[in-house]
């Protein structure tokens, strides 16, 4: 009881301190917080930047991966004999990735696209092909197809002897970028402007600045850019405050290295200040409500916390992240090859929602017991996170590891878990990777996570393998 009395007094003191601090903060610091948060917010656009990079990098990564395929190389070596197969392959890729694909063959001097069209590559008529062919770069980003502008990533393809076979490209409609940018603009108030080496605007969230016909708009055409001093126009605009459309705005600048483009993120400060002020007030009220709620519920929470700790202890015999990391590092230090598998229980969240957390805990324990019983003595099973398990398989090649995981996958799908009055079927998705050279756990986990994502994307209850590309 003394512990609970002490806890009770501590919560009251904490509540009083927080209230006094918030009142003090509101009276003397709001204006400073708004100004500093505005700059901090501009520098912390990681969600927006991550989305933008993913949108731009997706075509590049896909094209780079597919360009290594033997099937593509074979088709480009003999285009005249394989035109039907070329169209079939391009249409399949279009369906799988929802992107436009094309092959521009040096041998047949013909461009084939995933829409079933053929274009003769005639010098003087198809400017981009001969311009790109003459350039030393093997990868290029460009905007083309003026009737329906597309963002293209083009890769030069060579045979084993180094002979130039042509260009393989991936295209994405500018409308897709505009839709994504507009959603972010509605949510966060940002405007995006991408410019190339010549400061031509290639992508933007402003429909008025999109490419018209065959003409790019240039950064120098924008009124706010024209107000800058000539020396400012030649330097970085990062964290520059400007008047844009009658409002003060902050500009952030980011270089997109693979394309040699520059991204400008424009944030109106007025809307940002209003948003931060509103958010600050809401946060204060929410904090007070949460603290008061915690004060009322603390005894019940302690009870449930105790029960949860008991449940966690049952699974504690499995290795946690630290133990798995140490085991992996030991294998690397001993120069052993190792396959690694991530196991995610499919549709686990609805089990907790429909049957309750107790049923979810029972499922986790029984799945853990099955995996522990059916893994080999040399393997190490661990709890990675939530409904994720991890399996280290030393001296096991990737294909053997896939076979082990397929066996576990089938065994898991065949299980019927009883939680008292309810029987539950569960399946799992497995991602597998392999390393025979010394690497960090995070490097192998990244490839394994990609494989797990593929298993989830392809329908769950399956095993997928992702090998690490050699540097």
Protein backbone atom coordinates (compact mmCIF):
# COMPACT_ATOMS: atom_id res chain seq x y z
CA UNK A 1 0.00 0.00 0.00
CA UNK A 2 2.88 2.39 0.68
CA UNK A 3 3.95 2.04 -2.92
CA UNK A 4 0.51 3.07 -4.13
CA UNK A 5 0.38 6.05 -1.76
CA UNK A 6 3.77 7.18 -3.01
CA UNK A 7 2.65 6.76 -6.61
CA UNK A 8 -0.53 8.74 -5.89
CA UNK A 9 1.43 11.68 -4.43
CA UNK A 10 3.93 11.59 -7.29
CA UNK A 11 1.16 11.82 -9.89
CA UNK A 12 -0.43 14.80 -8.12
CA UNK A 13 2.92 16.61 -8.01
CA UNK A 14 3.58 15.80 -11.67
CA UNK A 15 0.12 17.09 -12.64
CA UNK A 16 0.69 20.39 -10.81
CA UNK A 17 4.15 20.89 -12.33
CA UNK A 18 2.88 20.23 -15.84
CA UNK A 19 -0.06 22.66 -15.44
CA UNK A 20 2.18 25.44 -14.15
CA UNK A 21 4.73 24.82 -16.91
CA UNK A 22 2.09 24.92 -19.63
CA UNK A 23 0.59 28.20 -18.34
CA UNK A 24 4.06 29.72 -18.18
CA UNK A 25 4.82 28.47 -21.66
CA UNK A 26 1.59 29.87 -23.12
CA UNK A 27 2.13 33.36 -21.62
CA UNK A 28 5.76 34.05 -22.50
CA UNK A 29 6.84 31.65 -25.26
CA UNK A 30 4.11 31.24 -27.90
CA UNK A 31 5.56 33.70 -30.43
CA UNK A 32 9.08 32.27 -30.11
CA UNK A 33 7.82 28.70 -30.39
CA UNK A 34 5.85 29.53 -33.55
CA UNK A 35 8.89 31.11 -35.25
CA UNK A 36 11.29 28.35 -34.26
CA UNK A 37 8.81 25.59 -35.05
CA UNK A 38 8.26 27.08 -38.50
CA UNK A 39 11.94 26.76 -39.32
CA UNK A 40 12.18 23.37 -37.67
CA UNK A 41 9.13 22.18 -39.59
CA UNK A 42 10.71 23.30 -42.85
CA UNK A 43 13.81 21.26 -42.03
CA UNK A 44 11.84 18.20 -41.02
CA UNK A 45 9.89 17.45 -44.17
CA UNK A 46 11.04 13.86 -44.01
CA UNK A 47 7.58 12.36 -44.69
CA UNK A 48 7.10 14.54 -47.76
CA UNK A 49 10.66 14.09 -48.95
CA UNK A 50 10.47 10.35 -48.45
CA UNK A 51 7.33 10.17 -50.54
CA UNK A 52 8.84 12.32 -53.29
CA UNK A 53 12.03 10.30 -53.39
CA UNK A 54 10.01 7.09 -53.53
CA UNK A 55 7.91 8.43 -56.39
CA UNK A 56 11.01 9.44 -58.35
CA UNK A 57 13.20 6.51 -57.43
CA UNK A 58 10.60 3.83 -58.11
CA UNK A 59 10.99 3.94 -61.91
CA UNK A 60 14.79 4.11 -61.55
CA UNK A 61 15.02 1.10 -59.23
CA UNK A 62 12.61 -0.93 -61.34
CA UNK A 63 14.45 -0.16 -64.58
CA UNK A 64 17.86 -0.90 -63.03
CA UNK A 65 16.63 -4.25 -61.74
CA UNK A 66 14.92 -5.31 -64.95
CA UNK A 67 17.86 -4.16 -67.08
CA UNK A 68 19.93 -6.96 -65.54
CA UNK A 69 17.49 -9.64 -66.63
CA UNK A 70 18.81 -12.15 -69.18
CA UNK A 71 15.37 -12.21 -70.84
CA UNK A 72 15.66 -8.53 -71.74
CA UNK A 73 19.19 -8.91 -73.06
CA UNK A 74 18.16 -11.86 -75.25
CA UNK A 75 15.22 -9.92 -76.71
CA UNK A 76 17.38 -6.91 -77.54
CA UNK A 77 20.04 -9.04 -79.22
CA UNK A 78 17.50 -10.42 -81.70
CA UNK A 79 14.67 -7.87 -81.92
CA UNK A 80 13.54 -8.69 -85.45
CA UNK A 81 12.94 -12.34 -84.56
CA UNK A 82 11.29 -11.54 -81.23
CA UNK A 83 8.92 -8.62 -81.85
CA UNK A 84 5.88 -10.51 -80.58
CA UNK A 85 7.76 -11.59 -77.46
CA UNK A 86 9.00 -8.02 -76.92
CA UNK A 87 5.44 -6.68 -76.92
CA UNK A 88 4.27 -9.54 -74.68
CA UNK A 89 7.04 -8.85 -72.16
CA UNK A 90 6.47 -5.08 -72.14
CA UNK A 91 2.71 -5.51 -71.68
CA UNK A 92 3.31 -7.93 -68.80
CA UNK A 93 5.65 -5.48 -67.10
CA UNK A 94 3.10 -2.71 -67.59
CA UNK A 95 0.46 -4.83 -65.88
CA UNK A 96 2.75 -5.86 -63.02
CA UNK A 97 4.18 -2.44 -62.19
CA UNK A 98 1.51 -0.02 -63.54
CA UNK A 99 4.25 1.81 -65.43
CA UNK A 100 4.92 2.31 -69.12
CA UNK A 101 7.90 0.41 -70.56
CA UNK A 102 9.71 0.61 -73.89
CA UNK A 103 12.67 -0.85 -75.74
CA UNK A 104 14.54 1.25 -78.30
CA UNK A 105 16.59 -1.20 -80.35
CA UNK A 106 19.84 -0.15 -81.97
CA UNK A 107 19.77 -3.26 -84.17
CA UNK A 108 16.30 -2.75 -85.67
CA UNK A 109 16.29 1.04 -85.14
CA UNK A 110 12.76 0.64 -83.79
CA UNK A 111 11.11 1.65 -80.53
CA UNK A 112 8.61 -0.81 -79.03
CA UNK A 113 6.36 0.22 -76.13
CA UNK A 114 4.00 -1.50 -73.72
CA UNK A 115 1.00 0.01 -75.51
CA UNK A 116 1.82 -2.10 -78.57
CA UNK A 117 3.21 0.78 -80.65
CA UNK A 118 6.25 0.77 -82.92
CA UNK A 119 8.20 3.92 -83.81
CA UNK A 120 10.99 4.02 -86.36
CA UNK A 121 14.13 5.54 -84.86
CA UNK A 122 15.00 7.90 -87.67
CA UNK A 123 17.72 10.46 -87.09
CA UNK A 124 16.30 13.95 -87.29
CA UNK A 125 12.81 12.76 -86.31
CA UNK A 126 13.42 10.94 -83.03
CA UNK A 127 15.81 13.38 -81.44
CA UNK A 128 15.99 11.95 -77.94
CA UNK A 129 17.43 8.56 -78.94
CA UNK A 130 20.40 9.88 -80.92
CA UNK A 131 21.05 12.66 -78.40
CA UNK A 132 21.10 10.18 -75.53
CA UNK A 133 23.15 7.64 -77.50
CA UNK A 134 25.88 10.26 -78.01
CA UNK A 135 26.05 11.13 -74.32
CA UNK A 136 28.53 9.30 -72.06
CA UNK A 137 25.98 8.67 -69.29
CA UNK A 138 24.36 5.24 -69.07
CA UNK A 139 21.27 6.49 -67.24
CA UNK A 140 19.14 9.54 -67.89
CA UNK A 141 15.90 11.08 -66.58
CA UNK A 142 13.81 13.12 -68.97
CA UNK A 143 10.32 14.35 -69.78
CA UNK A 144 8.86 13.19 -73.10
CA UNK A 145 5.77 12.24 -75.15
CA UNK A 146 4.23 15.69 -75.35
CA UNK A 147 0.61 14.57 -75.94
CA UNK A 148 0.63 12.83 -72.54
CA UNK A 149 3.84 13.98 -70.79
CA UNK A 150 5.74 11.19 -69.09
CA UNK A 151 8.64 11.11 -66.66
CA UNK A 152 11.13 8.67 -68.23
CA UNK A 153 14.14 6.85 -66.85
CA UNK A 154 16.27 5.52 -69.71
CA UNK A 155 19.10 2.98 -69.37
CA UNK A 156 21.60 1.99 -72.03
CA UNK A 157 21.83 -1.77 -72.54
CA UNK A 158 25.00 -3.58 -73.65
CA UNK A 159 25.70 -7.23 -74.44
CA UNK A 160 28.42 -9.30 -72.78
CA UNK A 161 30.99 -8.03 -75.28
CA UNK A 162 30.13 -4.41 -74.53
CA UNK A 163 28.23 -3.80 -77.77
CA UNK A 164 25.46 -1.18 -77.51
CA UNK A 165 22.07 -2.89 -77.94
CA UNK A 166 19.80 0.09 -77.36
CA UNK A 167 17.80 1.70 -74.58
CA UNK A 168 15.40 0.23 -72.03
CA UNK A 169 13.09 2.74 -70.40
CA UNK A 170 10.37 3.17 -67.81
CA UNK A 171 7.77 5.93 -68.02
CA UNK A 172 5.36 7.36 -65.47
CA UNK A 173 2.63 9.84 -66.32
CA UNK A 174 3.10 13.34 -64.93
CA UNK A 175 -0.54 13.20 -63.87
CA UNK A 176 0.39 10.55 -61.27
CA UNK A 177 3.01 12.88 -59.75
CA UNK A 178 0.58 15.80 -59.79
CA UNK A 179 -2.05 13.81 -57.90
CA UNK A 180 0.42 12.79 -55.18
CA UNK A 181 1.85 16.31 -54.86
CA UNK A 182 -1.63 17.83 -54.66
CA UNK A 183 -2.57 15.49 -51.82
CA UNK A 184 0.52 16.59 -49.88
CA UNK A 185 -0.22 20.22 -50.69
CA UNK A 186 -3.76 19.86 -49.28
CA UNK A 187 -2.44 18.18 -46.13
CA UNK A 188 0.74 20.16 -45.40
CA UNK A 189 0.50 23.29 -47.57
CA UNK A 190 3.77 22.60 -49.41
CA UNK A 191 4.40 23.46 -53.05
CA UNK A 192 6.96 21.36 -54.96
CA UNK A 193 9.06 22.48 -57.91
CA UNK A 194 11.62 20.19 -59.58
CA UNK A 195 14.09 21.75 -62.02
CA UNK A 196 16.75 20.17 -64.21
CA UNK A 197 20.30 21.32 -64.91
CA UNK A 198 18.97 24.17 -67.09
CA UNK A 199 16.47 25.23 -64.39
CA UNK A 200 13.61 24.01 -66.60
CA UNK A 201 10.63 22.96 -64.45
CA UNK A 202 10.14 19.22 -64.94
CA UNK A 203 7.73 18.28 -62.13
CA UNK A 204 5.59 20.48 -59.90
CA UNK A 205 2.52 20.54 -57.66
CA UNK A 206 1.33 23.71 -59.44
CA UNK A 207 -0.71 22.75 -62.55
CA UNK A 208 -0.01 26.19 -64.03
CA UNK A 209 3.70 25.40 -64.15
CA UNK A 210 3.37 22.02 -65.84
CA UNK A 211 4.92 21.52 -69.25
CA UNK A 212 2.76 22.87 -72.08
CA UNK A 213 3.10 21.26 -75.50
CA UNK A 214 6.83 20.91 -76.11
CA UNK A 215 7.82 23.90 -73.99
CA UNK A 216 9.22 23.77 -70.48
CA UNK A 217 8.66 26.63 -68.09
CA UNK A 218 11.85 27.86 -66.48
CA UNK A 219 12.55 28.83 -62.87
CA UNK A 220 13.64 32.23 -64.19
CA UNK A 221 10.05 32.80 -65.43
CA UNK A 222 8.63 32.76 -61.89
CA UNK A 223 7.92 36.23 -60.39
CA UNK A 224 9.41 35.39 -57.00
CA UNK A 225 12.63 34.16 -58.58
CA UNK A 226 12.89 37.35 -60.63
CA UNK A 227 12.85 39.43 -57.41
CA UNK A 228 16.15 37.85 -56.31
CA UNK A 229 19.45 39.58 -56.86
CA UNK A 230 21.49 38.04 -59.72
CA UNK A 231 24.04 36.63 -57.27
CA UNK A 232 21.23 35.06 -55.20
CA UNK A 233 19.86 33.34 -58.30
CA UNK A 234 23.19 31.55 -58.74
CA UNK A 235 23.45 30.30 -55.14
CA UNK A 236 21.49 27.95 -52.91
CA UNK A 237 18.00 29.12 -51.96
CA UNK A 238 17.80 26.90 -48.89
CA UNK A 239 16.01 28.57 -45.91
CA UNK A 240 15.40 31.75 -47.92
CA UNK A 241 12.39 33.89 -46.87
CA UNK A 242 10.45 35.44 -49.77
CA UNK A 243 7.17 37.13 -50.57
CA UNK A 244 5.27 34.75 -52.86
CA UNK A 245 1.73 35.62 -53.97
CA UNK A 246 1.50 38.22 -51.23
CA UNK A 247 2.51 35.79 -48.47
CA UNK A 248 5.78 35.21 -46.69
CA UNK A 249 7.16 31.79 -47.60
CA UNK A 250 10.17 29.71 -46.68
CA UNK A 251 12.10 27.79 -49.35
CA UNK A 252 13.93 24.51 -48.78
CA UNK A 253 16.29 23.15 -51.43
CA UNK A 254 17.27 19.53 -52.02
CA UNK A 255 19.51 18.05 -54.70
CA UNK A 256 18.21 14.85 -56.36
CA UNK A 257 21.58 13.34 -57.20
CA UNK A 258 20.65 10.44 -59.52
CA UNK A 259 18.97 12.85 -61.96
CA UNK A 260 21.01 16.00 -61.29
CA UNK A 261 17.77 17.77 -60.49
CA UNK A 262 16.97 20.27 -57.75
CA UNK A 263 13.81 20.22 -55.64
CA UNK A 264 12.41 23.40 -54.10
CA UNK A 265 9.84 23.03 -51.31
CA UNK A 266 7.86 26.23 -50.73
CA UNK A 267 5.97 26.62 -47.44
CA UNK A 268 3.69 29.64 -46.75
CA UNK A 269 4.58 30.70 -43.20
CA UNK A 270 1.19 32.20 -42.36
CA UNK A 271 -0.67 28.93 -42.76
CA UNK A 272 2.16 27.10 -41.01
CA UNK A 273 2.01 29.49 -38.03
CA UNK A 274 -1.76 29.10 -37.76
CA UNK A 275 -1.41 25.35 -37.98
CA UNK A 276 1.32 25.23 -35.33
CA UNK A 277 -0.61 27.54 -32.97
CA UNK A 278 -3.73 25.45 -33.31
CA UNK A 279 -1.72 22.29 -32.88
CA UNK A 280 0.01 23.70 -29.81
CA UNK A 281 -3.29 24.56 -28.11
CA UNK A 282 -4.76 21.17 -28.98
CA UNK A 283 -1.62 19.50 -27.63
CA UNK A 284 -1.90 21.38 -24.32
CA UNK A 285 -5.55 20.42 -23.86
CA UNK A 286 -4.84 16.85 -24.88
CA UNK A 287 -1.90 16.64 -22.50
CA UNK A 288 -4.04 17.82 -19.59
CA UNK A 289 -6.76 15.31 -20.46
CA UNK A 290 -4.26 12.49 -20.79
CA UNK A 291 -2.59 13.27 -17.47
CA UNK A 292 -5.95 13.45 -15.71
CA UNK A 293 -7.02 10.20 -17.35
CA UNK A 294 -3.80 8.55 -16.28
CA UNK A 295 -4.41 9.72 -12.74
CA UNK A 296 -7.84 8.06 -12.71
CA UNK A 297 -6.77 4.86 -14.42
CA UNK A 298 -3.37 4.27 -12.88
CA UNK A 299 -4.44 1.43 -10.60
CA UNK A 300 -6.17 -0.50 -13.42
CA UNK A 301 -3.21 0.11 -15.71
CA UNK A 302 -0.85 -1.31 -13.11
CA UNK A 303 -3.00 -4.43 -12.95
CA UNK A 304 -3.01 -4.92 -16.72
CA UNK A 305 0.67 -4.08 -16.88
CA UNK A 306 1.37 -6.87 -14.43
CA UNK A 307 -0.65 -9.34 -16.53
CA UNK A 308 1.11 -8.24 -19.71
CA UNK A 309 4.49 -8.70 -18.08
CA UNK A 310 3.53 -12.25 -17.17
CA UNK A 311 2.54 -12.94 -20.78
CA UNK A 312 5.72 -11.38 -22.11
CA UNK A 313 7.80 -13.58 -19.78
CA UNK A 314 6.35 -16.67 -21.44
CA UNK A 315 7.81 -15.53 -24.77
CA UNK A 316 10.99 -14.17 -23.16
CA UNK A 317 12.79 -17.47 -23.63
CA UNK A 318 13.02 -16.59 -27.31
CA UNK A 319 15.97 -14.42 -28.22
CA UNK A 320 15.19 -10.70 -28.39
CA UNK A 321 16.75 -8.22 -30.81
CA UNK A 322 19.89 -7.78 -28.74
CA UNK A 323 20.48 -11.54 -28.47
CA UNK A 324 19.84 -12.04 -32.19
CA UNK A 325 22.21 -9.18 -33.03
CA UNK A 326 24.96 -10.63 -30.85
CA UNK A 327 24.44 -14.11 -32.35
CA UNK A 328 24.59 -12.69 -35.89
CA UNK A 329 27.76 -10.70 -35.14
CA UNK A 330 29.37 -13.84 -33.68
CA UNK A 331 28.57 -15.75 -36.91
CA UNK A 332 30.09 -12.94 -38.97
CA UNK A 333 33.24 -12.87 -36.82
CA UNK A 334 33.58 -16.64 -37.37
CA UNK A 335 33.21 -16.06 -41.14
CA UNK A 336 30.19 -18.31 -41.36
CA UNK A 337 27.58 -17.91 -44.07
CA UNK A 338 24.06 -17.42 -42.80
CA UNK A 339 20.51 -17.28 -44.12
CA UNK A 340 18.04 -15.05 -42.31
CA UNK A 341 14.25 -15.23 -42.36
CA UNK A 342 11.64 -12.78 -41.12
CA UNK A 343 8.27 -14.37 -40.30
CA UNK A 344 5.18 -12.18 -40.06
CA UNK A 345 1.81 -13.57 -38.95
CA UNK A 346 -0.78 -12.69 -41.58
CA UNK A 347 -3.89 -10.76 -40.51
CA UNK A 348 -2.88 -10.82 -36.85
CA UNK A 349 -4.40 -7.47 -35.93
CA UNK A 350 -8.01 -8.61 -36.52
CA UNK A 351 -7.45 -11.48 -34.07
CA UNK A 352 -6.86 -8.97 -31.27
CA UNK A 353 -9.76 -6.82 -32.44
CA UNK A 354 -12.28 -9.66 -32.82
CA UNK A 355 -11.22 -12.18 -30.18
CA UNK A 356 -9.33 -9.96 -27.73
CA UNK A 357 -5.69 -9.53 -26.76
CA UNK A 358 -5.72 -12.69 -24.67
CA UNK A 359 -6.49 -14.70 -27.83
CA UNK A 360 -3.69 -12.86 -29.64
CA UNK A 361 -1.23 -13.77 -26.89
CA UNK A 362 -2.27 -17.42 -27.06
CA UNK A 363 -1.70 -17.40 -30.83
CA UNK A 364 1.77 -15.89 -30.39
CA UNK A 365 2.74 -18.45 -27.77
CA UNK A 366 1.53 -21.45 -29.76
CA UNK A 367 3.14 -20.21 -32.98
CA UNK A 368 6.40 -19.58 -31.11
CA UNK A 369 6.24 -23.09 -29.65
CA UNK A 370 5.65 -24.65 -33.08
CA UNK A 371 8.50 -22.70 -34.68
CA UNK A 372 10.80 -23.59 -31.80
CA UNK A 373 9.94 -27.28 -32.06
CA UNK A 374 10.31 -27.47 -35.84
CA UNK A 375 13.49 -25.47 -36.36
CA UNK A 376 16.80 -27.26 -36.51
CA UNK A 377 19.18 -27.44 -33.54
CA UNK A 378 21.71 -25.25 -35.33
CA UNK A 379 19.16 -22.50 -36.01
CA UNK A 380 18.30 -19.59 -33.71
CA UNK A 381 14.71 -18.38 -33.36
CA UNK A 382 13.95 -14.95 -31.93
CA UNK A 383 11.11 -12.50 -31.38
CA UNK A 384 11.72 -9.54 -33.66
CA UNK A 385 8.71 -7.27 -33.01
CA UNK A 386 5.00 -7.67 -32.34
CA UNK A 387 3.83 -10.54 -34.54
CA UNK A 388 7.25 -10.82 -36.24
CA UNK A 389 9.74 -13.62 -35.59
CA UNK A 390 13.30 -13.93 -36.90
CA UNK A 391 15.23 -17.09 -37.76
CA UNK A 392 19.02 -17.34 -38.15
CA UNK A 393 20.18 -20.37 -40.15
CA UNK A 394 24.01 -20.68 -40.06
CA UNK A 395 25.82 -22.44 -42.91
CA UNK A 396 22.57 -22.70 -44.85
CA UNK A 397 22.37 -21.66 -48.49
CA UNK A 398 19.50 -19.50 -49.72
CA UNK A 399 17.63 -22.28 -51.51
CA UNK A 400 17.96 -24.63 -48.55
CA UNK A 401 16.69 -21.82 -46.31
CA UNK A 402 13.70 -21.32 -48.59
CA UNK A 403 12.92 -25.04 -48.32
CA UNK A 404 13.11 -24.86 -44.51
CA UNK A 405 10.79 -21.85 -44.48
CA UNK A 406 8.34 -23.44 -46.90
CA UNK A 407 8.04 -26.40 -44.54
CA UNK A 408 7.39 -24.04 -41.62
CA UNK A 409 4.93 -22.06 -43.73
CA UNK A 410 2.90 -25.19 -44.50
CA UNK A 411 3.03 -26.33 -40.89
CA UNK A 412 1.82 -22.94 -39.70
CA UNK A 413 -1.07 -22.89 -42.19
CA UNK A 414 -2.14 -26.36 -41.00
CA UNK A 415 -2.31 -25.34 -37.34
CA UNK A 416 -5.60 -24.89 -35.52
CA UNK A 417 -5.13 -22.76 -32.41
CA UNK A 418 -7.71 -23.11 -29.65
CA UNK A 419 -8.22 -20.17 -27.29
CA UNK A 420 -10.78 -21.78 -25.02
CA UNK A 421 -14.05 -21.40 -26.92
CA UNK A 422 -12.63 -20.26 -30.25
CA UNK A 423 -10.57 -22.03 -32.92
CA UNK A 424 -8.30 -19.79 -35.00
CA UNK A 425 -6.46 -20.50 -38.25
CA UNK A 426 -3.31 -18.49 -38.86
CA UNK A 427 -0.84 -18.22 -41.74
CA UNK A 428 2.54 -16.56 -42.07
CA UNK A 429 4.54 -14.73 -44.71
CA UNK A 430 8.28 -15.45 -44.89
CA UNK A 431 11.05 -13.23 -46.25
CA UNK A 432 14.46 -14.85 -46.73
CA UNK A 433 17.92 -13.44 -47.50
CA UNK A 434 21.48 -14.77 -47.35
CA UNK A 435 25.03 -13.55 -46.89
CA UNK A 436 28.28 -15.40 -47.33
CA UNK A 437 30.43 -12.36 -46.57
CA UNK A 438 30.72 -10.16 -43.50
CA UNK A 439 27.82 -7.70 -43.42
CA UNK A 440 25.88 -5.83 -40.75
CA UNK A 441 22.59 -7.24 -39.56
CA UNK A 442 20.79 -4.15 -40.86
CA UNK A 443 22.06 -4.82 -44.39
CA UNK A 444 20.74 -8.37 -44.38
CA UNK A 445 17.49 -7.32 -42.65
CA UNK A 446 16.86 -4.75 -45.40
CA UNK A 447 16.96 -7.44 -48.09
CA UNK A 448 14.92 -9.81 -45.92
CA UNK A 449 12.33 -7.09 -45.33
CA UNK A 450 12.05 -6.54 -49.08
CA UNK A 451 11.43 -10.26 -49.54
CA UNK A 452 8.78 -10.21 -46.79
CA UNK A 453 7.11 -7.26 -48.50
CA UNK A 454 7.02 -9.27 -51.74
CA UNK A 455 5.42 -12.21 -49.93
CA UNK A 456 2.76 -9.91 -48.48
CA UNK A 457 2.18 -8.20 -51.79
CA UNK A 458 1.91 -11.49 -53.69
CA UNK A 459 -0.89 -12.83 -51.51
CA UNK A 460 0.60 -13.79 -48.10
CA UNK A 461 1.09 -17.34 -46.75
CA UNK A 462 4.20 -17.83 -48.87
CA UNK A 463 7.99 -17.60 -48.91
CA UNK A 464 9.98 -15.10 -50.94
CA UNK A 465 13.76 -14.80 -51.37
CA UNK A 466 15.71 -11.57 -51.89
CA UNK A 467 19.48 -11.85 -52.40
CA UNK A 468 21.79 -8.95 -51.57
CA UNK A 469 23.43 -7.34 -54.57
CA UNK A 470 27.22 -7.39 -54.45
CA UNK A 471 28.89 -3.99 -54.27
